[in-house]
Amino acid sequence: MSGTRFETLRGVTVTRFDVPGPVLLTPPVHRDARGYFLERWRDDVCAAAGIEARFVQDNLSRSRRGVLRGLHFQRQPHQQGKLVSVVRGRVLDVAVDLRRGSPTFLRHVRVVLDDEAHAQLWVPPGFAHGFLALGEVNDVLYKVDAHHAPEAEGGLRWDDPDLDIDWGLGELVPETSPVLSPKDAALPTVADGLPDFPYP
């Protein structure tokens, strides 16, 4: 994972990346013989980390190993920011900068999220998001700051050569081809055109 550990807020480790915008929040997990306890989300920690979001909806997806979901976004005026975490399993999570004028336009952040560290990745509006399921059963929770708007749905192909994402196929999972929905398999490429997300 490329990134620089920036600070600790109320015990939460905040990691920022070469691509500005996404933020990784890793909370302290208090473990004992009974199991563990953690604070999954705190508004004051998010605000102090620069995440200016009012979450309006929680989404939960379950995927078996080898499933790849994405890369997804919602167009303006329904663009979404997502706080993504794994409540069961392990995924390779990817966020791609689609903000025109950004110095990191079309670059991406790539992190592993799991149910051990309980880290959460903030994917700001203007980024495409997707993940590859690495565990046998993988439950991914998204807190989003805009409601689902089917008419604004968009996406990019997971294997677009202009994005050059290493999904770890054959390395992180034994599968060399991901399991895709028909909708995701038919997504366009960067060369087909992109929505106009503003920067900053």
N, C-alpha and C. Protein backbone atom coordinates (compact mmCIF):
# COMPACT_ATOMS: atom_id res chain seq x y z
N MET A 1 0.85 -1.19 0.00
CA MET A 1 0.00 0.00 0.00
C MET A 1 0.89 1.23 0.00
N SER A 2 0.72 2.07 -1.02
CA SER A 2 1.45 3.33 -1.01
C SER A 2 0.69 4.31 -0.14
N GLY A 3 1.40 5.09 0.64
CA GLY A 3 0.73 6.06 1.49
C GLY A 3 1.65 6.49 2.60
N THR A 4 1.27 7.58 3.23
CA THR A 4 2.06 8.13 4.32
C THR A 4 1.18 8.21 5.56
N ARG A 5 1.64 7.62 6.66
CA ARG A 5 0.88 7.74 7.91
C ARG A 5 0.94 9.20 8.34
N PHE A 6 -0.19 9.79 8.52
CA PHE A 6 -0.25 11.23 8.75
C PHE A 6 -0.38 11.60 10.21
N GLU A 7 -1.35 10.97 10.91
CA GLU A 7 -1.58 11.33 12.31
C GLU A 7 -2.47 10.30 12.98
N THR A 8 -2.61 10.46 14.28
CA THR A 8 -3.53 9.63 15.05
C THR A 8 -4.56 10.55 15.69
N LEU A 9 -5.83 10.21 15.50
CA LEU A 9 -6.94 11.00 16.05
C LEU A 9 -7.78 10.10 16.94
N ARG A 10 -7.82 10.41 18.24
CA ARG A 10 -8.57 9.59 19.20
C ARG A 10 -8.22 8.11 19.05
N GLY A 11 -6.97 7.82 18.81
CA GLY A 11 -6.50 6.45 18.67
C GLY A 11 -6.64 5.88 17.27
N VAL A 12 -7.33 6.59 16.37
CA VAL A 12 -7.52 6.13 14.99
C VAL A 12 -6.32 6.57 14.15
N THR A 13 -5.71 5.63 13.46
CA THR A 13 -4.59 5.96 12.58
C THR A 13 -5.14 6.44 11.25
N VAL A 14 -4.71 7.64 10.84
CA VAL A 14 -5.17 8.25 9.59
C VAL A 14 -4.03 8.16 8.58
N THR A 15 -4.29 7.49 7.46
CA THR A 15 -3.30 7.34 6.40
C THR A 15 -3.78 8.07 5.16
N ARG A 16 -2.90 8.90 4.61
CA ARG A 16 -3.20 9.61 3.36
C ARG A 16 -2.28 9.08 2.28
N PHE A 17 -2.64 9.36 1.04
CA PHE A 17 -1.97 8.74 -0.11
C PHE A 17 -1.37 9.77 -1.04
N ASP A 18 -0.58 9.28 -1.99
CA ASP A 18 -0.05 10.14 -3.04
C ASP A 18 -1.18 10.75 -3.87
N VAL A 19 -2.29 10.03 -3.98
CA VAL A 19 -3.49 10.55 -4.64
C VAL A 19 -4.32 11.25 -3.57
N PRO A 20 -4.42 12.60 -3.61
CA PRO A 20 -5.15 13.29 -2.54
C PRO A 20 -6.65 13.05 -2.62
N GLY A 21 -7.27 12.94 -1.45
CA GLY A 21 -8.71 12.73 -1.37
C GLY A 21 -9.06 11.50 -0.57
N PRO A 22 -8.68 10.30 -1.03
CA PRO A 22 -8.95 9.11 -0.23
C PRO A 22 -8.18 9.14 1.09
N VAL A 23 -8.81 8.62 2.13
CA VAL A 23 -8.21 8.56 3.46
C VAL A 23 -8.51 7.19 4.05
N LEU A 24 -7.51 6.56 4.65
CA LEU A 24 -7.69 5.28 5.32
C LEU A 24 -7.73 5.51 6.82
N LEU A 25 -8.79 5.05 7.47
CA LEU A 25 -8.96 5.18 8.91
C LEU A 25 -8.87 3.80 9.54
N THR A 26 -7.88 3.60 10.42
CA THR A 26 -7.71 2.31 11.08
C THR A 26 -7.91 2.49 12.57
N PRO A 27 -9.03 1.98 13.11
CA PRO A 27 -9.34 2.21 14.52
C PRO A 27 -8.60 1.25 15.43
N PRO A 28 -8.45 1.62 16.71
CA PRO A 28 -7.93 0.64 17.66
C PRO A 28 -8.97 -0.44 17.90
N VAL A 29 -8.53 -1.68 17.96
CA VAL A 29 -9.42 -2.82 18.22
C VAL A 29 -9.03 -3.39 19.59
N HIS A 30 -9.97 -3.39 20.51
CA HIS A 30 -9.72 -3.85 21.88
C HIS A 30 -10.13 -5.32 21.96
N ARG A 31 -9.12 -6.19 22.09
CA ARG A 31 -9.35 -7.63 22.06
C ARG A 31 -9.10 -8.23 23.44
N ASP A 32 -9.89 -9.25 23.78
CA ASP A 32 -9.63 -10.06 24.96
C ASP A 32 -10.19 -11.45 24.71
N ALA A 33 -10.27 -12.25 25.75
CA ALA A 33 -10.71 -13.64 25.59
C ALA A 33 -12.14 -13.75 25.08
N ARG A 34 -12.94 -12.71 25.28
CA ARG A 34 -14.34 -12.75 24.83
C ARG A 34 -14.49 -12.46 23.35
N GLY A 35 -13.51 -11.74 22.78
CA GLY A 35 -13.63 -11.29 21.39
C GLY A 35 -13.00 -9.92 21.24
N TYR A 36 -13.73 -8.96 20.67
CA TYR A 36 -13.16 -7.62 20.51
C TYR A 36 -14.26 -6.57 20.51
N PHE A 37 -13.82 -5.30 20.67
CA PHE A 37 -14.71 -4.15 20.60
C PHE A 37 -13.98 -3.04 19.85
N LEU A 38 -14.72 -2.30 19.03
CA LEU A 38 -14.16 -1.12 18.38
C LEU A 38 -15.26 -0.12 18.08
N GLU A 39 -14.87 1.12 17.91
CA GLU A 39 -15.78 2.16 17.43
C GLU A 39 -15.66 2.18 15.91
N ARG A 40 -16.71 1.76 15.21
CA ARG A 40 -16.64 1.65 13.74
C ARG A 40 -16.60 3.01 13.08
N TRP A 41 -17.35 3.98 13.61
CA TRP A 41 -17.42 5.28 12.96
C TRP A 41 -17.70 6.35 14.01
N ARG A 42 -16.97 7.47 13.88
CA ARG A 42 -17.19 8.64 14.74
C ARG A 42 -17.19 9.87 13.85
N ASP A 43 -18.22 10.69 14.00
CA ASP A 43 -18.31 11.88 13.16
C ASP A 43 -17.18 12.85 13.44
N ASP A 44 -16.75 12.97 14.71
CA ASP A 44 -15.70 13.94 15.02
C ASP A 44 -14.34 13.50 14.46
N VAL A 45 -14.07 12.20 14.44
CA VAL A 45 -12.82 11.71 13.86
C VAL A 45 -12.83 11.95 12.35
N CYS A 46 -13.95 11.65 11.70
CA CYS A 46 -14.04 11.89 10.25
C CYS A 46 -13.84 13.37 9.94
N ALA A 47 -14.49 14.23 10.70
CA ALA A 47 -14.36 15.66 10.45
C ALA A 47 -12.92 16.12 10.65
N ALA A 48 -12.27 15.64 11.72
CA ALA A 48 -10.88 16.02 11.97
C ALA A 48 -9.94 15.49 10.89
N ALA A 49 -10.32 14.38 10.25
CA ALA A 49 -9.51 13.82 9.17
C ALA A 49 -9.78 14.50 7.83
N GLY A 50 -10.73 15.45 7.82
CA GLY A 50 -11.04 16.18 6.59
C GLY A 50 -12.13 15.54 5.75
N ILE A 51 -12.84 14.59 6.32
CA ILE A 51 -13.94 13.93 5.60
C ILE A 51 -15.21 14.70 5.89
N GLU A 52 -15.63 15.51 4.93
CA GLU A 52 -16.82 16.34 5.11
C GLU A 52 -17.99 15.65 4.44
N ALA A 53 -18.65 14.79 5.19
CA ALA A 53 -19.74 14.01 4.63
C ALA A 53 -20.87 13.91 5.65
N ARG A 54 -22.09 13.95 5.14
CA ARG A 54 -23.26 13.64 5.97
C ARG A 54 -23.84 12.37 5.38
N PHE A 55 -23.62 11.28 6.09
CA PHE A 55 -24.02 9.98 5.55
C PHE A 55 -25.53 9.81 5.60
N VAL A 56 -26.11 9.32 4.50
CA VAL A 56 -27.56 9.22 4.38
C VAL A 56 -28.03 7.79 4.14
N GLN A 57 -27.11 6.86 3.88
CA GLN A 57 -27.52 5.50 3.52
C GLN A 57 -26.38 4.55 3.80
N ASP A 58 -26.71 3.36 4.30
CA ASP A 58 -25.74 2.27 4.44
C ASP A 58 -26.07 1.19 3.42
N ASN A 59 -25.05 0.68 2.74
CA ASN A 59 -25.21 -0.41 1.79
C ASN A 59 -24.36 -1.58 2.24
N LEU A 60 -24.84 -2.80 2.03
CA LEU A 60 -24.09 -4.00 2.39
C LEU A 60 -24.12 -4.96 1.22
N SER A 61 -22.93 -5.42 0.79
CA SER A 61 -22.87 -6.41 -0.28
C SER A 61 -22.14 -7.65 0.23
N ARG A 62 -22.51 -8.80 -0.29
CA ARG A 62 -21.81 -10.05 0.00
C ARG A 62 -21.30 -10.61 -1.32
N SER A 63 -20.04 -11.03 -1.30
CA SER A 63 -19.40 -11.56 -2.52
C SER A 63 -18.56 -12.78 -2.15
N ARG A 64 -18.56 -13.76 -3.03
CA ARG A 64 -17.67 -14.91 -2.84
C ARG A 64 -16.31 -14.59 -3.43
N ARG A 65 -15.32 -15.41 -3.11
CA ARG A 65 -13.96 -15.16 -3.58
C ARG A 65 -13.91 -15.09 -5.11
N GLY A 66 -13.14 -14.13 -5.61
CA GLY A 66 -12.96 -13.97 -7.04
C GLY A 66 -13.94 -13.03 -7.70
N VAL A 67 -14.97 -12.58 -6.95
CA VAL A 67 -15.93 -11.62 -7.50
C VAL A 67 -15.28 -10.24 -7.52
N LEU A 68 -15.43 -9.55 -8.64
CA LEU A 68 -14.97 -8.17 -8.76
C LEU A 68 -16.17 -7.29 -9.03
N ARG A 69 -16.35 -6.29 -8.18
CA ARG A 69 -17.45 -5.33 -8.34
C ARG A 69 -16.84 -3.97 -8.68
N GLY A 70 -17.30 -3.39 -9.78
CA GLY A 70 -16.81 -2.07 -10.14
C GLY A 70 -16.21 -2.07 -11.53
N LEU A 71 -15.71 -0.93 -11.83
CA LEU A 71 -15.51 0.30 -11.06
C LEU A 71 -16.75 1.19 -11.20
N HIS A 72 -17.33 1.64 -10.11
CA HIS A 72 -18.61 2.33 -10.12
C HIS A 72 -18.49 3.77 -9.63
N PHE A 73 -19.43 4.60 -10.10
CA PHE A 73 -19.60 5.97 -9.59
C PHE A 73 -21.01 6.42 -9.91
N GLN A 74 -21.41 7.56 -9.33
CA GLN A 74 -22.65 8.22 -9.72
C GLN A 74 -22.30 9.60 -10.26
N ARG A 75 -22.95 9.94 -11.39
CA ARG A 75 -22.70 11.24 -12.03
C ARG A 75 -23.35 12.37 -11.24
N GLN A 76 -22.87 13.59 -11.51
CA GLN A 76 -23.48 14.78 -10.92
C GLN A 76 -24.93 14.90 -11.40
N PRO A 77 -25.83 15.41 -10.59
CA PRO A 77 -25.61 15.99 -9.26
C PRO A 77 -25.77 14.96 -8.14
N HIS A 78 -25.64 13.67 -8.45
CA HIS A 78 -25.84 12.61 -7.46
C HIS A 78 -24.53 11.92 -7.07
N GLN A 79 -23.39 12.59 -7.30
CA GLN A 79 -22.11 11.95 -6.98
C GLN A 79 -22.07 11.55 -5.51
N GLN A 80 -21.40 10.43 -5.25
CA GLN A 80 -21.37 9.85 -3.91
C GLN A 80 -19.96 9.80 -3.36
N GLY A 81 -19.84 10.09 -2.08
CA GLY A 81 -18.67 9.71 -1.32
C GLY A 81 -19.00 8.45 -0.55
N LYS A 82 -18.02 7.56 -0.38
CA LYS A 82 -18.27 6.27 0.28
C LYS A 82 -17.22 6.03 1.35
N LEU A 83 -17.65 5.59 2.52
CA LEU A 83 -16.75 5.10 3.54
C LEU A 83 -16.91 3.58 3.55
N VAL A 84 -15.88 2.89 3.07
CA VAL A 84 -15.97 1.46 2.76
C VAL A 84 -15.21 0.65 3.81
N SER A 85 -15.84 -0.40 4.31
CA SER A 85 -15.18 -1.29 5.27
C SER A 85 -15.66 -2.72 5.05
N VAL A 86 -14.94 -3.65 5.63
CA VAL A 86 -15.27 -5.07 5.51
C VAL A 86 -15.68 -5.58 6.89
N VAL A 87 -16.89 -6.13 7.00
CA VAL A 87 -17.34 -6.69 8.27
C VAL A 87 -17.11 -8.19 8.34
N ARG A 88 -16.87 -8.81 7.19
CA ARG A 88 -16.51 -10.23 7.15
C ARG A 88 -15.69 -10.47 5.90
N GLY A 89 -14.52 -11.09 6.06
CA GLY A 89 -13.70 -11.43 4.91
C GLY A 89 -12.58 -10.45 4.64
N ARG A 90 -12.22 -10.34 3.36
CA ARG A 90 -11.05 -9.56 2.96
C ARG A 90 -11.22 -9.17 1.50
N VAL A 91 -10.95 -7.90 1.16
CA VAL A 91 -11.07 -7.45 -0.23
C VAL A 91 -9.89 -6.56 -0.59
N LEU A 92 -9.58 -6.52 -1.88
CA LEU A 92 -8.68 -5.51 -2.43
C LEU A 92 -9.56 -4.38 -2.92
N ASP A 93 -9.42 -3.21 -2.31
CA ASP A 93 -10.29 -2.08 -2.59
C ASP A 93 -9.53 -1.04 -3.41
N VAL A 94 -10.20 -0.48 -4.43
CA VAL A 94 -9.54 0.43 -5.37
C VAL A 94 -10.41 1.68 -5.56
N ALA A 95 -9.76 2.84 -5.55
CA ALA A 95 -10.42 4.12 -5.84
C ALA A 95 -9.62 4.83 -6.92
N VAL A 96 -10.30 5.27 -7.99
CA VAL A 96 -9.65 5.89 -9.15
C VAL A 96 -10.08 7.35 -9.25
N ASP A 97 -9.11 8.25 -9.36
CA ASP A 97 -9.37 9.68 -9.44
C ASP A 97 -9.90 10.05 -10.83
N LEU A 98 -11.14 10.52 -10.89
CA LEU A 98 -11.75 10.93 -12.17
C LEU A 98 -12.00 12.44 -12.22
N ARG A 99 -11.38 13.20 -11.33
CA ARG A 99 -11.62 14.64 -11.26
C ARG A 99 -10.76 15.36 -12.30
N ARG A 100 -11.41 15.94 -13.28
CA ARG A 100 -10.68 16.65 -14.35
C ARG A 100 -9.91 17.82 -13.74
N GLY A 101 -8.66 17.96 -14.15
CA GLY A 101 -7.82 19.01 -13.61
C GLY A 101 -7.01 18.57 -12.41
N SER A 102 -7.32 17.39 -11.87
CA SER A 102 -6.55 16.88 -10.73
C SER A 102 -5.15 16.49 -11.19
N PRO A 103 -4.12 16.79 -10.39
CA PRO A 103 -2.77 16.36 -10.76
C PRO A 103 -2.60 14.84 -10.73
N THR A 104 -3.57 14.13 -10.12
CA THR A 104 -3.50 12.66 -10.09
C THR A 104 -4.65 12.04 -10.89
N PHE A 105 -5.14 12.77 -11.90
CA PHE A 105 -6.23 12.29 -12.76
C PHE A 105 -5.90 10.91 -13.32
N LEU A 106 -6.81 9.96 -13.14
CA LEU A 106 -6.74 8.57 -13.59
C LEU A 106 -5.76 7.70 -12.78
N ARG A 107 -5.13 8.27 -11.75
CA ARG A 107 -4.33 7.43 -10.86
C ARG A 107 -5.24 6.83 -9.79
N HIS A 108 -4.75 5.80 -9.12
CA HIS A 108 -5.61 5.10 -8.17
C HIS A 108 -4.91 4.80 -6.85
N VAL A 109 -5.74 4.53 -5.86
CA VAL A 109 -5.33 4.05 -4.55
C VAL A 109 -5.80 2.61 -4.45
N ARG A 110 -4.96 1.75 -3.87
CA ARG A 110 -5.24 0.31 -3.81
C ARG A 110 -4.86 -0.17 -2.41
N VAL A 111 -5.85 -0.66 -1.63
CA VAL A 111 -5.59 -1.13 -0.27
C VAL A 111 -6.35 -2.42 -0.01
N VAL A 112 -5.86 -3.21 0.94
CA VAL A 112 -6.59 -4.39 1.40
C VAL A 112 -7.37 -4.01 2.65
N LEU A 113 -8.67 -4.30 2.64
CA LEU A 113 -9.53 -4.09 3.80
C LEU A 113 -9.98 -5.47 4.29
N ASP A 114 -10.01 -5.65 5.61
CA ASP A 114 -10.41 -6.96 6.13
C ASP A 114 -11.13 -6.83 7.47
N ASP A 115 -11.55 -7.98 8.00
CA ASP A 115 -12.28 -8.00 9.27
C ASP A 115 -11.36 -8.20 10.47
N GLU A 116 -10.05 -8.00 10.27
CA GLU A 116 -9.09 -8.06 11.37
C GLU A 116 -8.67 -6.64 11.79
N ALA A 117 -8.19 -5.86 10.83
CA ALA A 117 -7.77 -4.48 11.13
C ALA A 117 -8.95 -3.53 11.20
N HIS A 118 -10.05 -3.86 10.49
CA HIS A 118 -11.27 -3.04 10.48
C HIS A 118 -11.02 -1.62 9.96
N ALA A 119 -10.04 -1.46 9.07
CA ALA A 119 -9.79 -0.16 8.45
C ALA A 119 -10.95 0.20 7.52
N GLN A 120 -11.14 1.51 7.34
CA GLN A 120 -12.18 2.01 6.45
C GLN A 120 -11.53 2.96 5.45
N LEU A 121 -11.89 2.83 4.18
CA LEU A 121 -11.37 3.71 3.15
C LEU A 121 -12.43 4.72 2.75
N TRP A 122 -12.08 6.00 2.88
CA TRP A 122 -12.95 7.08 2.39
C TRP A 122 -12.65 7.28 0.91
N VAL A 123 -13.69 7.08 0.09
CA VAL A 123 -13.61 7.29 -1.36
C VAL A 123 -14.44 8.52 -1.67
N PRO A 124 -13.80 9.66 -1.96
CA PRO A 124 -14.56 10.91 -2.12
C PRO A 124 -15.38 10.92 -3.42
N PRO A 125 -16.35 11.84 -3.50
CA PRO A 125 -17.02 12.07 -4.78
C PRO A 125 -15.97 12.40 -5.85
N GLY A 126 -16.23 11.96 -7.07
CA GLY A 126 -15.27 12.19 -8.15
C GLY A 126 -14.30 11.04 -8.35
N PHE A 127 -14.48 9.97 -7.58
CA PHE A 127 -13.66 8.77 -7.73
C PHE A 127 -14.54 7.60 -8.14
N ALA A 128 -14.00 6.73 -8.99
CA ALA A 128 -14.64 5.44 -9.26
C ALA A 128 -14.15 4.46 -8.21
N HIS A 129 -15.01 3.52 -7.84
CA HIS A 129 -14.68 2.57 -6.77
C HIS A 129 -15.00 1.14 -7.19
N GLY A 130 -14.13 0.23 -6.77
CA GLY A 130 -14.39 -1.19 -6.99
C GLY A 130 -13.57 -2.03 -6.04
N PHE A 131 -13.90 -3.32 -5.98
CA PHE A 131 -13.11 -4.21 -5.14
C PHE A 131 -13.13 -5.63 -5.68
N LEU A 132 -12.07 -6.37 -5.34
CA LEU A 132 -11.95 -7.79 -5.64
C LEU A 132 -12.08 -8.55 -4.33
N ALA A 133 -13.00 -9.52 -4.26
CA ALA A 133 -13.22 -10.30 -3.04
C ALA A 133 -12.14 -11.37 -2.90
N LEU A 134 -11.46 -11.36 -1.75
CA LEU A 134 -10.32 -12.26 -1.53
C LEU A 134 -10.65 -13.42 -0.60
N GLY A 135 -11.59 -13.25 0.31
CA GLY A 135 -11.96 -14.31 1.25
C GLY A 135 -13.02 -15.22 0.66
N GLU A 136 -13.36 -16.27 1.40
CA GLU A 136 -14.41 -17.18 0.91
C GLU A 136 -15.77 -16.49 0.90
N VAL A 137 -16.07 -15.74 1.98
CA VAL A 137 -17.30 -14.94 2.08
C VAL A 137 -16.87 -13.54 2.49
N ASN A 138 -17.35 -12.52 1.78
CA ASN A 138 -16.89 -11.15 1.99
C ASN A 138 -18.07 -10.21 2.06
N ASP A 139 -18.27 -9.61 3.23
CA ASP A 139 -19.36 -8.65 3.43
C ASP A 139 -18.76 -7.25 3.51
N VAL A 140 -19.15 -6.40 2.57
CA VAL A 140 -18.60 -5.05 2.47
C VAL A 140 -19.69 -4.05 2.80
N LEU A 141 -19.37 -3.15 3.74
CA LEU A 141 -20.31 -2.12 4.18
C LEU A 141 -19.87 -0.78 3.63
N TYR A 142 -20.80 -0.06 3.01
CA TYR A 142 -20.54 1.29 2.49
C TYR A 142 -21.45 2.26 3.20
N LYS A 143 -20.89 3.28 3.82
CA LYS A 143 -21.68 4.42 4.26
C LYS A 143 -21.55 5.46 3.15
N VAL A 144 -22.67 5.95 2.62
CA VAL A 144 -22.62 6.87 1.48
C VAL A 144 -23.30 8.19 1.84
N ASP A 145 -22.83 9.26 1.18
CA ASP A 145 -23.35 10.59 1.50
C ASP A 145 -24.35 11.10 0.47
N ALA A 146 -24.81 10.23 -0.42
CA ALA A 146 -25.89 10.56 -1.37
C ALA A 146 -26.67 9.28 -1.63
N HIS A 147 -27.97 9.42 -1.80
CA HIS A 147 -28.80 8.25 -2.03
C HIS A 147 -28.49 7.61 -3.40
N HIS A 148 -28.80 6.32 -3.49
CA HIS A 148 -28.65 5.64 -4.76
C HIS A 148 -29.58 6.27 -5.79
N ALA A 149 -29.01 6.60 -6.96
CA ALA A 149 -29.77 7.22 -8.04
C ALA A 149 -29.51 6.42 -9.31
N PRO A 150 -30.36 5.44 -9.66
CA PRO A 150 -30.10 4.57 -10.81
C PRO A 150 -29.84 5.33 -12.10
N GLU A 151 -30.51 6.47 -12.27
CA GLU A 151 -30.34 7.24 -13.50
C GLU A 151 -28.96 7.88 -13.61
N ALA A 152 -28.23 7.94 -12.49
CA ALA A 152 -26.91 8.58 -12.48
C ALA A 152 -25.77 7.55 -12.42
N GLU A 153 -26.10 6.27 -12.46
CA GLU A 153 -25.07 5.23 -12.35
C GLU A 153 -24.11 5.29 -13.53
N GLY A 154 -22.85 5.06 -13.23
CA GLY A 154 -21.83 4.97 -14.27
C GLY A 154 -20.70 4.08 -13.81
N GLY A 155 -19.77 3.81 -14.71
CA GLY A 155 -18.65 2.97 -14.34
C GLY A 155 -17.62 2.86 -15.44
N LEU A 156 -16.52 2.19 -15.10
CA LEU A 156 -15.43 1.93 -16.03
C LEU A 156 -15.03 0.47 -15.92
N ARG A 157 -14.50 -0.06 -17.01
CA ARG A 157 -14.06 -1.45 -17.00
C ARG A 157 -12.90 -1.65 -16.03
N TRP A 158 -12.97 -2.75 -15.33
CA TRP A 158 -11.96 -3.07 -14.32
C TRP A 158 -10.57 -3.23 -14.93
N ASP A 159 -10.50 -3.67 -16.19
CA ASP A 159 -9.22 -3.96 -16.83
C ASP A 159 -8.83 -2.92 -17.89
N ASP A 160 -9.37 -1.71 -17.76
CA ASP A 160 -9.06 -0.65 -18.72
C ASP A 160 -7.55 -0.39 -18.72
N PRO A 161 -6.88 -0.53 -19.86
CA PRO A 161 -5.42 -0.33 -19.88
C PRO A 161 -5.01 1.09 -19.51
N ASP A 162 -5.89 2.08 -19.70
CA ASP A 162 -5.55 3.45 -19.32
C ASP A 162 -5.47 3.62 -17.81
N LEU A 163 -6.05 2.68 -17.05
CA LEU A 163 -6.03 2.76 -15.59
C LEU A 163 -4.90 1.92 -14.99
N ASP A 164 -4.51 0.85 -15.67
CA ASP A 164 -3.36 0.03 -15.28
C ASP A 164 -3.42 -0.39 -13.80
N ILE A 165 -4.55 -1.00 -13.42
CA ILE A 165 -4.73 -1.45 -12.04
C ILE A 165 -4.26 -2.90 -11.91
N ASP A 166 -3.40 -3.15 -10.95
CA ASP A 166 -2.98 -4.51 -10.63
C ASP A 166 -3.95 -5.07 -9.59
N TRP A 167 -4.83 -5.96 -10.03
CA TRP A 167 -5.84 -6.52 -9.14
C TRP A 167 -5.32 -7.72 -8.35
N GLY A 168 -4.12 -8.17 -8.61
CA GLY A 168 -3.57 -9.29 -7.85
C GLY A 168 -4.16 -10.63 -8.22
N LEU A 169 -4.76 -10.72 -9.41
CA LEU A 169 -5.33 -12.00 -9.84
C LEU A 169 -4.21 -13.02 -10.03
N GLY A 170 -4.43 -14.22 -9.49
CA GLY A 170 -3.40 -15.24 -9.53
C GLY A 170 -2.38 -15.09 -8.41
N GLU A 171 -2.44 -13.97 -7.70
CA GLU A 171 -1.53 -13.72 -6.58
C GLU A 171 -2.32 -13.64 -5.27
N LEU A 172 -3.24 -12.69 -5.19
CA LEU A 172 -4.06 -12.54 -3.99
C LEU A 172 -5.19 -13.58 -3.95
N VAL A 173 -5.65 -13.98 -5.12
CA VAL A 173 -6.62 -15.08 -5.26
C VAL A 173 -6.09 -16.00 -6.35
N PRO A 174 -6.40 -17.29 -6.29
CA PRO A 174 -5.89 -18.20 -7.32
C PRO A 174 -6.54 -17.97 -8.69
N GLU A 175 -7.73 -17.37 -8.69
CA GLU A 175 -8.41 -17.12 -9.96
C GLU A 175 -7.62 -16.14 -10.81
N THR A 176 -7.56 -16.37 -12.11
CA THR A 176 -6.88 -15.44 -13.01
C THR A 176 -7.86 -14.57 -13.79
N SER A 177 -9.15 -14.90 -13.71
CA SER A 177 -10.20 -14.06 -14.29
C SER A 177 -11.25 -13.82 -13.22
N PRO A 178 -11.68 -12.57 -13.03
CA PRO A 178 -12.66 -12.30 -11.98
C PRO A 178 -14.06 -12.73 -12.40
N VAL A 179 -14.92 -12.90 -11.40
CA VAL A 179 -16.34 -13.14 -11.63
C VAL A 179 -17.01 -11.77 -11.70
N LEU A 180 -17.65 -11.47 -12.84
CA LEU A 180 -18.26 -10.16 -13.07
C LEU A 180 -19.75 -10.30 -13.31
N SER A 181 -20.50 -9.28 -12.95
CA SER A 181 -21.90 -9.21 -13.37
C SER A 181 -21.92 -8.86 -14.86
N PRO A 182 -22.99 -9.21 -15.58
CA PRO A 182 -23.10 -8.80 -16.99
C PRO A 182 -22.97 -7.28 -17.14
N LYS A 183 -23.52 -6.54 -16.19
CA LYS A 183 -23.46 -5.07 -16.24
C LYS A 183 -22.02 -4.58 -16.14
N ASP A 184 -21.25 -5.14 -15.19
CA ASP A 184 -19.86 -4.71 -15.02
C ASP A 184 -19.00 -5.15 -16.21
N ALA A 185 -19.30 -6.31 -16.77
CA ALA A 185 -18.53 -6.79 -17.92
C ALA A 185 -18.71 -5.90 -19.14
N ALA A 186 -19.82 -5.16 -19.19
CA ALA A 186 -20.13 -4.30 -20.34
C ALA A 186 -19.80 -2.83 -20.10
N LEU A 187 -19.15 -2.51 -18.99
CA LEU A 187 -18.83 -1.11 -18.71
C LEU A 187 -17.87 -0.54 -19.76
N PRO A 188 -17.93 0.77 -20.00
CA PRO A 188 -17.05 1.40 -20.99
C PRO A 188 -15.64 1.61 -20.44
N THR A 189 -14.76 2.08 -21.32
CA THR A 189 -13.39 2.42 -20.95
C THR A 189 -13.23 3.93 -20.91
N VAL A 190 -12.08 4.37 -20.43
CA VAL A 190 -11.75 5.80 -20.41
C VAL A 190 -11.85 6.38 -21.82
N ALA A 191 -11.41 5.61 -22.80
CA ALA A 191 -11.42 6.08 -24.19
C ALA A 191 -12.84 6.36 -24.69
N ASP A 192 -13.84 5.75 -24.06
CA ASP A 192 -15.23 5.97 -24.46
C ASP A 192 -15.80 7.27 -23.91
N GLY A 193 -15.08 7.92 -23.00
CA GLY A 193 -15.54 9.19 -22.42
C GLY A 193 -15.77 9.07 -20.92
N LEU A 194 -15.63 10.19 -20.25
CA LEU A 194 -15.76 10.24 -18.79
C LEU A 194 -16.73 11.33 -18.38
N PRO A 195 -17.36 11.17 -17.20
CA PRO A 195 -18.20 12.25 -16.69
C PRO A 195 -17.32 13.43 -16.27
N ASP A 196 -17.94 14.57 -16.08
CA ASP A 196 -17.19 15.78 -15.72
C ASP A 196 -17.28 16.00 -14.22
N PHE A 197 -16.33 15.41 -13.48
CA PHE A 197 -16.23 15.65 -12.04
C PHE A 197 -15.28 16.81 -11.80
N PRO A 198 -15.66 17.78 -10.99
CA PRO A 198 -14.80 18.95 -10.78
C PRO A 198 -13.65 18.66 -9.84
N TYR A 199 -12.61 19.46 -9.96
CA TYR A 199 -11.47 19.45 -9.04
C TYR A 199 -11.18 20.88 -8.64
N PRO A 200 -10.93 21.19 -7.38
CA PRO A 200 -10.93 20.26 -6.24
C PRO A 200 -12.34 19.93 -5.81
